[in-house]
Amino acid sequence: MIRYALHCDRDHQFESWFQSSSAYDSQVKRKLVTCPICGSAKVDKAIMAPRIVGKKGRATPPAEPATTAAPEAAPSASTSLMMAQERELRAKLKELRDHIVKNADNVGDRFANEARAMHYGDKEHRPIYGEASPDEAKSLIDEGIEVSPLPTLPEDRN
């Protein structure tokens, strides 16, 4: 993975991670890399300082991307709006997950078997949730059984 400091044609600064430099080039060429602030697809790499590994194997913190513009004192209105939209989206995802957890049975690692039994009429239909490996989920989908992952929020991982 490689992290690039980027800027758009309107001089908004942001960062993004890419699988490789060729992945970055490919995505920019297909206009898949856009500015999160204004949505512009005219994006270029900003100058960055390299990470240098010291004697003990610890990388020194990278310097901030070089810029010619003075830093903004406060977030712009579009950034604040984006942060508000992100908070609203997270709240809705949490509400959806909480609704499912409250109104469905947790069948744990029996999820694939339970879903399959209900699909084929061996058990009465009811809302369930649980755990399934990626292979089990793919197998269910291949059989025409509708499944969806529960939304996971960053705070769930802490």
C-alpha atoms as a PDB file:
ATOM      1  CA  MET A   1       0.000   0.000   0.000  1.00  0.00           C
ATOM      2  CA  ILE A   2       1.159   3.514  -0.736  1.00  0.00           C
ATOM      3  CA  ARG A   3      -0.179   6.797   0.618  1.00  0.00           C
ATOM      4  CA  TYR A   4      -0.193   9.870  -1.574  1.00  0.00           C
ATOM      5  CA  ALA A   5      -0.751  13.466  -0.618  1.00  0.00           C
ATOM      6  CA  LEU A   6      -3.056  14.807  -3.330  1.00  0.00           C
ATOM      7  CA  HIS A   7      -4.527  18.109  -4.425  1.00  0.00           C
ATOM      8  CA  CYS A   8      -7.272  19.023  -6.860  1.00  0.00           C
ATOM      9  CA  ASP A   9      -7.444  21.810  -9.418  1.00  0.00           C
ATOM     10  CA  ARG A  10      -9.158  23.995  -6.783  1.00  0.00           C
ATOM     11  CA  ASP A  11      -6.165  23.570  -4.428  1.00  0.00           C
ATOM     12  CA  HIS A  12      -7.916  21.331  -1.879  1.00  0.00           C
ATOM     13  CA  GLN A  13      -5.379  19.096  -0.093  1.00  0.00           C
ATOM     14  CA  PHE A  14      -6.174  15.488   0.899  1.00  0.00           C
ATOM     15  CA  GLU A  15      -4.581  12.045   1.192  1.00  0.00           C
ATOM     16  CA  SER A  16      -5.477   8.637  -0.168  1.00  0.00           C
ATOM     17  CA  TRP A  17      -4.090   5.089  -0.094  1.00  0.00           C
ATOM     18  CA  PHE A  18      -3.488   2.967  -3.211  1.00  0.00           C
ATOM     19  CA  GLN A  19      -2.423  -0.621  -3.836  1.00  0.00           C
ATOM     20  CA  SER A  20       0.528   0.616  -5.923  1.00  0.00           C
ATOM     21  CA  SER A  21       1.656   3.587  -7.976  1.00  0.00           C
ATOM     22  CA  SER A  22       0.246   1.910 -11.102  1.00  0.00           C
ATOM     23  CA  ALA A  23      -3.116   1.499  -9.325  1.00  0.00           C
ATOM     24  CA  TYR A  24      -3.080   5.250  -8.630  1.00  0.00           C
ATOM     25  CA  ASP A  25      -2.245   6.008 -12.278  1.00  0.00           C
ATOM     26  CA  SER A  26      -5.004   3.701 -13.520  1.00  0.00           C
ATOM     27  CA  GLN A  27      -7.638   5.152 -11.192  1.00  0.00           C
ATOM     28  CA  VAL A  28      -6.721   8.760 -12.045  1.00  0.00           C
ATOM     29  CA  LYS A  29      -6.851   7.936 -15.760  1.00  0.00           C
ATOM     30  CA  ARG A  30     -10.377   6.494 -15.317  1.00  0.00           C
ATOM     31  CA  LYS A  31     -11.368   9.546 -13.197  1.00  0.00           C
ATOM     32  CA  LEU A  32     -12.056   7.372 -10.138  1.00  0.00           C
ATOM     33  CA  VAL A  33      -9.964   9.561  -7.825  1.00  0.00           C
ATOM     34  CA  THR A  34     -11.965  12.629  -6.834  1.00  0.00           C
ATOM     35  CA  CYS A  35     -11.546  15.424  -4.330  1.00  0.00           C
ATOM     36  CA  PRO A  36     -13.587  14.651  -1.194  1.00  0.00           C
ATOM     37  CA  ILE A  37     -14.251  18.352  -0.713  1.00  0.00           C
ATOM     38  CA  CYS A  38     -15.432  19.529  -4.124  1.00  0.00           C
ATOM     39  CA  GLY A  39     -15.729  16.317  -6.156  1.00  0.00           C
ATOM     40  CA  SER A  40     -13.268  17.397  -8.842  1.00  0.00           C
ATOM     41  CA  ALA A  41     -11.646  14.554 -10.783  1.00  0.00           C
ATOM     42  CA  LYS A  42      -8.689  16.768 -11.763  1.00  0.00           C
ATOM     43  CA  VAL A  43      -6.329  15.425  -9.105  1.00  0.00           C
ATOM     44  CA  ASP A  44      -2.525  15.434  -8.912  1.00  0.00           C
ATOM     45  CA  LYS A  45       0.076  14.190  -6.451  1.00  0.00           C
ATOM     46  CA  ALA A  46       1.453  16.773  -4.040  1.00  0.00           C
ATOM     47  CA  ILE A  47       5.115  16.810  -3.061  1.00  0.00           C
ATOM     48  CA  MET A  48       5.744  14.543  -0.063  1.00  0.00           C
ATOM     49  CA  ALA A  49       8.753  13.806   2.095  1.00  0.00           C
ATOM     50  CA  PRO A  50       9.801  10.142   2.097  1.00  0.00           C
ATOM     51  CA  ARG A  51       9.619   7.915   5.173  1.00  0.00           C
ATOM     52  CA  ILE A  52      13.107   7.116   6.427  1.00  0.00           C
ATOM     53  CA  VAL A  53      13.716   4.015   8.509  1.00  0.00           C
ATOM     54  CA  GLY A  54      16.104   4.580  11.405  1.00  0.00           C
ATOM     55  CA  LYS A  55      18.637   2.133  12.875  1.00  0.00           C
ATOM     56  CA  LYS A  56      16.080   0.538  15.211  1.00  0.00           C
ATOM     57  CA  GLY A  57      13.674  -0.177  12.347  1.00  0.00           C
ATOM     58  CA  ARG A  58      11.223   2.547  13.320  1.00  0.00           C
ATOM     59  CA  ALA A  59      10.154   4.951  10.638  1.00  0.00           C
ATOM     60  CA  THR A  60      10.469   8.607  11.401  1.00  0.00           C
ATOM     61  CA  PRO A  61       7.154  10.433  11.089  1.00  0.00           C
ATOM     62  CA  PRO A  62       6.644  11.760   7.580  1.00  0.00           C
ATOM     63  CA  ALA A  63       6.721  15.473   7.048  1.00  0.00           C
ATOM     64  CA  GLU A  64       3.467  17.118   6.080  1.00  0.00           C
ATOM     65  CA  PRO A  65       2.934  17.539   2.333  1.00  0.00           C
ATOM     66  CA  ALA A  66       4.601  20.640   0.967  1.00  0.00           C
ATOM     67  CA  THR A  67       2.135  23.375   0.151  1.00  0.00           C
ATOM     68  CA  THR A  68       2.397  26.894  -1.130  1.00  0.00           C
ATOM     69  CA  ALA A  69      -0.937  28.035   0.249  1.00  0.00           C
ATOM     70  CA  ALA A  70      -1.315  29.132   3.862  1.00  0.00           C
ATOM     71  CA  PRO A  71      -3.163  26.590   6.025  1.00  0.00           C
ATOM     72  CA  GLU A  72      -6.807  27.322   6.718  1.00  0.00           C
ATOM     73  CA  ALA A  73      -7.615  28.463  10.231  1.00  0.00           C
ATOM     74  CA  ALA A  74     -10.898  26.538  10.356  1.00  0.00           C
ATOM     75  CA  PRO A  75     -12.502  23.844   8.223  1.00  0.00           C
ATOM     76  CA  SER A  76     -14.286  25.146   5.156  1.00  0.00           C
ATOM     77  CA  ALA A  77     -18.062  25.046   4.944  1.00  0.00           C
ATOM     78  CA  SER A  78     -17.926  22.146   2.478  1.00  0.00           C
ATOM     79  CA  THR A  79     -15.679  20.160   4.846  1.00  0.00           C
ATOM     80  CA  SER A  80     -18.020  20.841   7.745  1.00  0.00           C
ATOM     81  CA  LEU A  81     -20.962  19.773   5.604  1.00  0.00           C
ATOM     82  CA  MET A  82     -19.155  16.578   4.628  1.00  0.00           C
ATOM     83  CA  MET A  83     -18.390  15.821   8.277  1.00  0.00           C
ATOM     84  CA  ALA A  84     -22.056  16.445   9.169  1.00  0.00           C
ATOM     85  CA  GLN A  85     -23.174  14.133   6.365  1.00  0.00           C
ATOM     86  CA  GLU A  86     -20.740  11.458   7.551  1.00  0.00           C
ATOM     87  CA  ARG A  87     -22.063  11.729  11.121  1.00  0.00           C
ATOM     88  CA  GLU A  88     -25.640  11.466   9.824  1.00  0.00           C
ATOM     89  CA  LEU A  89     -24.775   8.416   7.710  1.00  0.00           C
ATOM     90  CA  ARG A  90     -23.054   6.723  10.653  1.00  0.00           C
ATOM     91  CA  ALA A  91     -26.064   7.440  12.870  1.00  0.00           C
ATOM     92  CA  LYS A  92     -28.397   5.879  10.286  1.00  0.00           C
ATOM     93  CA  LEU A  93     -26.154   2.812   9.914  1.00  0.00           C
ATOM     94  CA  LYS A  94     -26.067   2.410  13.710  1.00  0.00           C
ATOM     95  CA  GLU A  95     -29.864   2.772  13.826  1.00  0.00           C
ATOM     96  CA  LEU A  96     -30.246   0.097  11.132  1.00  0.00           C
ATOM     97  CA  ARG A  97     -27.887  -2.301  12.902  1.00  0.00           C
ATOM     98  CA  ASP A  98     -29.554  -1.698  16.282  1.00  0.00           C
ATOM     99  CA  HIS A  99     -32.984  -2.367  14.713  1.00  0.00           C
ATOM    100  CA  ILE A 100     -31.776  -5.671  13.255  1.00  0.00           C
ATOM    101  CA  VAL A 101     -30.149  -6.763  16.514  1.00  0.00           C
ATOM    102  CA  LYS A 102     -33.286  -5.858  18.475  1.00  0.00           C
ATOM    103  CA  ASN A 103     -35.777  -7.513  16.108  1.00  0.00           C
ATOM    104  CA  ALA A 104     -33.908 -10.592  14.861  1.00  0.00           C
ATOM    105  CA  ASP A 105     -32.552 -13.761  16.451  1.00  0.00           C
ATOM    106  CA  ASN A 106     -28.788 -14.117  16.762  1.00  0.00           C
ATOM    107  CA  VAL A 107     -28.036 -17.630  15.528  1.00  0.00           C
ATOM    108  CA  GLY A 108     -24.259 -17.185  15.780  1.00  0.00           C
ATOM    109  CA  ASP A 109     -22.142 -19.461  13.618  1.00  0.00           C
ATOM    110  CA  ARG A 110     -25.254 -21.468  12.624  1.00  0.00           C
ATOM    111  CA  PHE A 111     -26.300 -18.593  10.335  1.00  0.00           C
ATOM    112  CA  ALA A 112     -25.651 -20.349   7.010  1.00  0.00           C
ATOM    113  CA  ASN A 113     -27.499 -23.516   8.085  1.00  0.00           C
ATOM    114  CA  GLU A 114     -30.450 -21.564   9.532  1.00  0.00           C
ATOM    115  CA  ALA A 115     -30.770 -19.345   6.445  1.00  0.00           C
ATOM    116  CA  ARG A 116     -30.600 -22.374   4.169  1.00  0.00           C
ATOM    117  CA  ALA A 117     -33.232 -24.276   6.215  1.00  0.00           C
ATOM    118  CA  MET A 118     -35.644 -21.318   6.060  1.00  0.00           C
ATOM    119  CA  HIS A 119     -35.016 -20.826   2.336  1.00  0.00           C
ATOM    120  CA  TYR A 120     -35.832 -24.449   1.529  1.00  0.00           C
ATOM    121  CA  GLY A 121     -38.890 -24.527   3.820  1.00  0.00           C
ATOM    122  CA  ASP A 122     -37.423 -26.798   6.501  1.00  0.00           C
ATOM    123  CA  LYS A 123     -37.894 -24.068   9.123  1.00  0.00           C
ATOM    124  CA  GLU A 124     -40.341 -21.215   9.570  1.00  0.00           C
ATOM    125  CA  HIS A 125     -39.142 -17.873   8.199  1.00  0.00           C
ATOM    126  CA  ARG A 126     -38.008 -15.374  10.816  1.00  0.00           C
ATOM    127  CA  PRO A 127     -35.489 -12.540  10.918  1.00  0.00           C
ATOM    128  CA  ILE A 128     -32.036 -13.801  11.882  1.00  0.00           C
ATOM    129  CA  TYR A 129     -28.470 -12.598  11.992  1.00  0.00           C
ATOM    130  CA  GLY A 130     -25.209 -14.303  12.823  1.00  0.00           C
ATOM    131  CA  GLU A 131     -21.781 -15.133  11.506  1.00  0.00           C
ATOM    132  CA  ALA A 132     -20.761 -16.649   8.186  1.00  0.00           C
ATOM    133  CA  SER A 133     -17.415 -16.995   6.488  1.00  0.00           C
ATOM    134  CA  PRO A 134     -16.958 -15.303   3.099  1.00  0.00           C
ATOM    135  CA  ASP A 135     -17.199 -18.751   1.452  1.00  0.00           C
ATOM    136  CA  GLU A 136     -20.454 -19.540   3.304  1.00  0.00           C
ATOM    137  CA  ALA A 137     -21.933 -16.162   2.330  1.00  0.00           C
ATOM    138  CA  LYS A 138     -20.953 -16.676  -1.318  1.00  0.00           C
ATOM    139  CA  SER A 139     -22.481 -20.154  -1.264  1.00  0.00           C
ATOM    140  CA  LEU A 140     -25.761 -18.765   0.135  1.00  0.00           C
ATOM    141  CA  ILE A 141     -25.855 -16.068  -2.547  1.00  0.00           C
ATOM    142  CA  ASP A 142     -25.104 -18.658  -5.266  1.00  0.00           C
ATOM    143  CA  GLU A 143     -28.125 -20.647  -4.017  1.00  0.00           C
ATOM    144  CA  GLY A 144     -30.338 -17.560  -4.353  1.00  0.00           C
ATOM    145  CA  ILE A 145     -30.541 -16.870  -0.618  1.00  0.00           C
ATOM    146  CA  GLU A 146     -30.474 -13.150   0.117  1.00  0.00           C
ATOM    147  CA  VAL A 147     -27.913 -12.176   2.757  1.00  0.00           C
ATOM    148  CA  SER A 148     -26.309  -8.870   3.719  1.00  0.00           C
ATOM    149  CA  PRO A 149     -23.554  -8.019   6.185  1.00  0.00           C
ATOM    150  CA  LEU A 150     -24.471  -5.991   9.246  1.00  0.00           C
ATOM    151  CA  PRO A 151     -22.972  -2.501   9.046  1.00  0.00           C
ATOM    152  CA  THR A 152     -19.765  -2.170  11.071  1.00  0.00           C
ATOM    153  CA  LEU A 153     -18.730   1.252  12.300  1.00  0.00           C
ATOM    154  CA  PRO A 154     -15.188   2.322  13.267  1.00  0.00           C
ATOM    155  CA  GLU A 155     -16.133   2.608  16.948  1.00  0.00           C
ATOM    156  CA  ASP A 156     -17.168  -1.098  16.892  1.00  0.00           C
ATOM    157  CA  ARG A 157     -13.522  -2.057  16.415  1.00  0.00           C
ATOM    158  CA  ASN A 158     -12.270  -0.291  19.530  1.00  0.00           C
END
